[in-house]
Amino acid sequence: MASAVSAQGSLFYHYRFSPYDTDAIIEFLEILLSRNASKIMIVWDGASVHKSKKLRAYLADNDEAKRLHLVIQPSYSPQLNVDEQVWHWLKNVALKNVCLNNFKELQSRVITEIQKLAENHKLVQKFFHHPAVAFY
């Protein structure tokens, strides 16, 4: 899964059943751009998929992508990124002590829980007030 949050409480997410490669990241960025007409700040970790030649070419050659402001977060500091609160909430609140029979049930439950979170704008807004979150 990939996600992005806004200070207004919007949560955008994208999921697939295979690893995220450059094509999947570009697809996610295109979804974000299509759903938001303003500039978008993306805070990324140092994952190699975020630095690929294909992604850099997409960002350089795509006029719509010029609305993206990309920020690489410092190494070993995921807590600074407000979007990490989404994953913390999913793992430690929504799915805490959940025992499922198989991976398919887990996939379904994660999708259900992130959809519920996406509908809870006030909770998503609260993620921005976590004491570890920093803005650049």
C-alpha atoms as a PDB file:
ATOM      1  CA  MET A   1       0.000   0.000   0.000  1.00  0.00           C
ATOM      2  CA  ALA A   2       0.909   3.600  -0.502  1.00  0.00           C
ATOM      3  CA  SER A   3      -0.818   6.549   1.092  1.00  0.00           C
ATOM      4  CA  ALA A   4      -0.799  10.313   1.314  1.00  0.00           C
ATOM      5  CA  VAL A   5      -2.533  12.621   3.767  1.00  0.00           C
ATOM      6  CA  SER A   6      -3.524  16.266   3.762  1.00  0.00           C
ATOM      7  CA  ALA A   7      -3.787  18.656   6.672  1.00  0.00           C
ATOM      8  CA  GLN A   8      -7.481  18.971   5.802  1.00  0.00           C
ATOM      9  CA  GLY A   9      -7.924  15.317   6.778  1.00  0.00           C
ATOM     10  CA  SER A  10      -7.961  13.681   3.372  1.00  0.00           C
ATOM     11  CA  LEU A  11      -6.347  10.276   3.047  1.00  0.00           C
ATOM     12  CA  PHE A  12      -5.499   8.923  -0.385  1.00  0.00           C
ATOM     13  CA  TYR A  13      -4.371   5.342  -0.653  1.00  0.00           C
ATOM     14  CA  HIS A  14      -3.447   2.872  -3.317  1.00  0.00           C
ATOM     15  CA  TYR A  15      -2.914  -0.827  -2.983  1.00  0.00           C
ATOM     16  CA  ARG A  16      -1.668  -3.628  -5.122  1.00  0.00           C
ATOM     17  CA  PHE A  17      -0.909  -7.261  -4.580  1.00  0.00           C
ATOM     18  CA  SER A  18       2.688  -7.104  -5.717  1.00  0.00           C
ATOM     19  CA  PRO A  19       5.663  -5.016  -4.579  1.00  0.00           C
ATOM     20  CA  TYR A  20       5.787  -1.321  -5.355  1.00  0.00           C
ATOM     21  CA  ASP A  21       8.095  -0.668  -8.255  1.00  0.00           C
ATOM     22  CA  THR A  22       8.668   2.554 -10.152  1.00  0.00           C
ATOM     23  CA  ASP A  23       5.609   2.034 -12.356  1.00  0.00           C
ATOM     24  CA  ALA A  24       3.398   1.649  -9.275  1.00  0.00           C
ATOM     25  CA  ILE A  25       4.863   4.787  -7.694  1.00  0.00           C
ATOM     26  CA  ILE A  26       4.226   6.745 -10.884  1.00  0.00           C
ATOM     27  CA  GLU A  27       0.660   5.407 -10.972  1.00  0.00           C
ATOM     28  CA  PHE A  28       0.151   6.545  -7.373  1.00  0.00           C
ATOM     29  CA  LEU A  29       1.537  10.008  -8.144  1.00  0.00           C
ATOM     30  CA  GLU A  30      -0.760  10.304 -11.165  1.00  0.00           C
ATOM     31  CA  ILE A  31      -3.759   9.422  -8.987  1.00  0.00           C
ATOM     32  CA  LEU A  32      -2.733  12.091  -6.468  1.00  0.00           C
ATOM     33  CA  LEU A  33      -2.299  14.667  -9.211  1.00  0.00           C
ATOM     34  CA  SER A  34      -5.664  13.832 -10.774  1.00  0.00           C
ATOM     35  CA  ARG A  35      -7.475  14.236  -7.438  1.00  0.00           C
ATOM     36  CA  ASN A  36      -5.827  17.479  -6.392  1.00  0.00           C
ATOM     37  CA  ALA A  37      -5.465  20.630  -8.476  1.00  0.00           C
ATOM     38  CA  SER A  38      -3.008  22.396  -6.178  1.00  0.00           C
ATOM     39  CA  LYS A  39       0.654  21.813  -5.410  1.00  0.00           C
ATOM     40  CA  ILE A  40       1.431  18.648  -3.472  1.00  0.00           C
ATOM     41  CA  MET A  41       4.324  18.106  -1.087  1.00  0.00           C
ATOM     42  CA  ILE A  42       5.528  14.513  -1.034  1.00  0.00           C
ATOM     43  CA  VAL A  43       7.750  13.429   1.873  1.00  0.00           C
ATOM     44  CA  TRP A  44       9.666  10.325   0.898  1.00  0.00           C
ATOM     45  CA  ASP A  45      12.083   8.053   2.614  1.00  0.00           C
ATOM     46  CA  GLY A  46      15.303   7.034   0.900  1.00  0.00           C
ATOM     47  CA  ALA A  47      13.907   3.901  -0.770  1.00  0.00           C
ATOM     48  CA  SER A  48      15.622   3.119  -4.051  1.00  0.00           C
ATOM     49  CA  VAL A  49      12.293   3.111  -5.917  1.00  0.00           C
ATOM     50  CA  HIS A  50      11.939   6.798  -5.015  1.00  0.00           C
ATOM     51  CA  LYS A  51      15.261   7.549  -6.743  1.00  0.00           C
ATOM     52  CA  SER A  52      15.030   5.442  -9.894  1.00  0.00           C
ATOM     53  CA  LYS A  53      16.036   6.836 -13.279  1.00  0.00           C
ATOM     54  CA  LYS A  54      12.568   6.135 -14.655  1.00  0.00           C
ATOM     55  CA  LEU A  55      10.912   8.091 -11.843  1.00  0.00           C
ATOM     56  CA  ARG A  56      13.326  11.002 -12.232  1.00  0.00           C
ATOM     57  CA  ALA A  57      12.576  11.069 -15.962  1.00  0.00           C
ATOM     58  CA  TYR A  58       8.819  11.022 -15.283  1.00  0.00           C
ATOM     59  CA  LEU A  59       9.154  13.925 -12.846  1.00  0.00           C
ATOM     60  CA  ALA A  60      11.327  15.928 -15.246  1.00  0.00           C
ATOM     61  CA  ASP A  61       9.286  15.326 -18.407  1.00  0.00           C
ATOM     62  CA  ASN A  62       5.720  15.502 -17.094  1.00  0.00           C
ATOM     63  CA  ASP A  63       4.201  18.981 -16.817  1.00  0.00           C
ATOM     64  CA  GLU A  64       1.610  17.829 -14.259  1.00  0.00           C
ATOM     65  CA  ALA A  65       4.388  16.407 -12.078  1.00  0.00           C
ATOM     66  CA  LYS A  66       5.829  19.901 -11.749  1.00  0.00           C
ATOM     67  CA  ARG A  67       3.115  20.461  -9.109  1.00  0.00           C
ATOM     68  CA  LEU A  68       4.909  17.961  -6.884  1.00  0.00           C
ATOM     69  CA  HIS A  69       7.353  19.250  -4.303  1.00  0.00           C
ATOM     70  CA  LEU A  70       9.477  16.281  -3.287  1.00  0.00           C
ATOM     71  CA  VAL A  71      11.222  16.158   0.071  1.00  0.00           C
ATOM     72  CA  ILE A  72      13.493  13.340   1.143  1.00  0.00           C
ATOM     73  CA  GLN A  73      13.212  12.796   4.872  1.00  0.00           C
ATOM     74  CA  PRO A  74      16.371  12.337   6.895  1.00  0.00           C
ATOM     75  CA  SER A  75      17.676   8.766   7.171  1.00  0.00           C
ATOM     76  CA  TYR A  76      16.279   6.621   9.962  1.00  0.00           C
ATOM     77  CA  SER A  77      13.564   9.104  10.884  1.00  0.00           C
ATOM     78  CA  PRO A  78      10.192   7.807   9.663  1.00  0.00           C
ATOM     79  CA  GLN A  79       8.472   9.384  12.669  1.00  0.00           C
ATOM     80  CA  LEU A  80       8.930  12.831  11.084  1.00  0.00           C
ATOM     81  CA  ASN A  81       6.584  11.945   8.225  1.00  0.00           C
ATOM     82  CA  VAL A  82       2.926  12.431   9.174  1.00  0.00           C
ATOM     83  CA  ASP A  83       1.919   9.653   6.765  1.00  0.00           C
ATOM     84  CA  GLU A  84       3.701   7.179   9.050  1.00  0.00           C
ATOM     85  CA  GLN A  85       0.894   7.836  11.536  1.00  0.00           C
ATOM     86  CA  VAL A  86      -1.473   6.125   9.095  1.00  0.00           C
ATOM     87  CA  TRP A  87       0.577   2.939   9.277  1.00  0.00           C
ATOM     88  CA  HIS A  88       1.007   3.241  13.034  1.00  0.00           C
ATOM     89  CA  TRP A  89      -2.752   3.559  13.475  1.00  0.00           C
ATOM     90  CA  LEU A  90      -3.469   0.613  11.178  1.00  0.00           C
ATOM     91  CA  LYS A  91      -0.963  -1.690  12.898  1.00  0.00           C
ATOM     92  CA  ASN A  92      -1.399  -0.605  16.502  1.00  0.00           C
ATOM     93  CA  VAL A  93      -5.051   0.395  16.719  1.00  0.00           C
ATOM     94  CA  ALA A  94      -7.215  -0.974  13.905  1.00  0.00           C
ATOM     95  CA  LEU A  95      -5.426  -4.313  13.601  1.00  0.00           C
ATOM     96  CA  LYS A  96      -4.145  -4.675  17.161  1.00  0.00           C
ATOM     97  CA  ASN A  97      -4.641  -8.226  18.442  1.00  0.00           C
ATOM     98  CA  VAL A  98      -6.379  -9.249  15.217  1.00  0.00           C
ATOM     99  CA  CYS A  99      -5.910 -12.872  14.272  1.00  0.00           C
ATOM    100  CA  LEU A 100      -6.995 -13.900  10.799  1.00  0.00           C
ATOM    101  CA  ASN A 101      -6.960 -17.258   9.069  1.00  0.00           C
ATOM    102  CA  ASN A 102      -5.032 -16.384   5.940  1.00  0.00           C
ATOM    103  CA  PHE A 103      -3.382 -13.662   3.907  1.00  0.00           C
ATOM    104  CA  LYS A 104      -6.509 -13.028   1.826  1.00  0.00           C
ATOM    105  CA  GLU A 105      -8.463 -12.207   5.002  1.00  0.00           C
ATOM    106  CA  LEU A 106      -5.649  -9.887   6.096  1.00  0.00           C
ATOM    107  CA  GLN A 107      -5.707  -8.063   2.769  1.00  0.00           C
ATOM    108  CA  SER A 108      -9.450  -7.598   3.001  1.00  0.00           C
ATOM    109  CA  ARG A 109      -9.296  -6.368   6.591  1.00  0.00           C
ATOM    110  CA  VAL A 110      -6.493  -3.889   5.884  1.00  0.00           C
ATOM    111  CA  ILE A 111      -8.433  -2.441   2.949  1.00  0.00           C
ATOM    112  CA  THR A 112     -11.581  -2.179   5.096  1.00  0.00           C
ATOM    113  CA  GLU A 113      -9.706  -0.442   7.916  1.00  0.00           C
ATOM    114  CA  ILE A 114      -7.884   2.042   5.696  1.00  0.00           C
ATOM    115  CA  GLN A 115     -11.184   2.899   4.009  1.00  0.00           C
ATOM    116  CA  LYS A 116     -12.714   3.591   7.435  1.00  0.00           C
ATOM    117  CA  LEU A 117      -9.733   5.777   8.261  1.00  0.00           C
ATOM    118  CA  ALA A 118     -10.092   7.649   4.956  1.00  0.00           C
ATOM    119  CA  GLU A 119     -13.653   8.505   5.970  1.00  0.00           C
ATOM    120  CA  ASN A 120     -12.535   9.814   9.391  1.00  0.00           C
ATOM    121  CA  HIS A 121     -11.131  13.220   8.425  1.00  0.00           C
ATOM    122  CA  LYS A 122     -10.863  14.461  12.006  1.00  0.00           C
ATOM    123  CA  LEU A 123      -8.625  11.546  13.005  1.00  0.00           C
ATOM    124  CA  VAL A 124      -6.386  12.052   9.967  1.00  0.00           C
ATOM    125  CA  GLN A 125      -6.080  15.741  10.892  1.00  0.00           C
ATOM    126  CA  LYS A 126      -4.963  14.738  14.391  1.00  0.00           C
ATOM    127  CA  PHE A 127      -2.015  12.836  12.903  1.00  0.00           C
ATOM    128  CA  PHE A 128      -0.507  16.229  12.022  1.00  0.00           C
ATOM    129  CA  HIS A 129      -0.391  17.085  15.739  1.00  0.00           C
ATOM    130  CA  HIS A 130       1.719  14.097  16.760  1.00  0.00           C
ATOM    131  CA  PRO A 131       4.748  15.478  18.650  1.00  0.00           C
ATOM    132  CA  ALA A 132       7.290  13.640  16.454  1.00  0.00           C
ATOM    133  CA  VAL A 133       5.903  14.935  13.160  1.00  0.00           C
ATOM    134  CA  ALA A 134       7.963  17.706  11.566  1.00  0.00           C
ATOM    135  CA  PHE A 135       7.431  19.910   8.558  1.00  0.00           C
ATOM    136  CA  TYR A 136      10.212  20.982   6.237  1.00  0.00           C
END
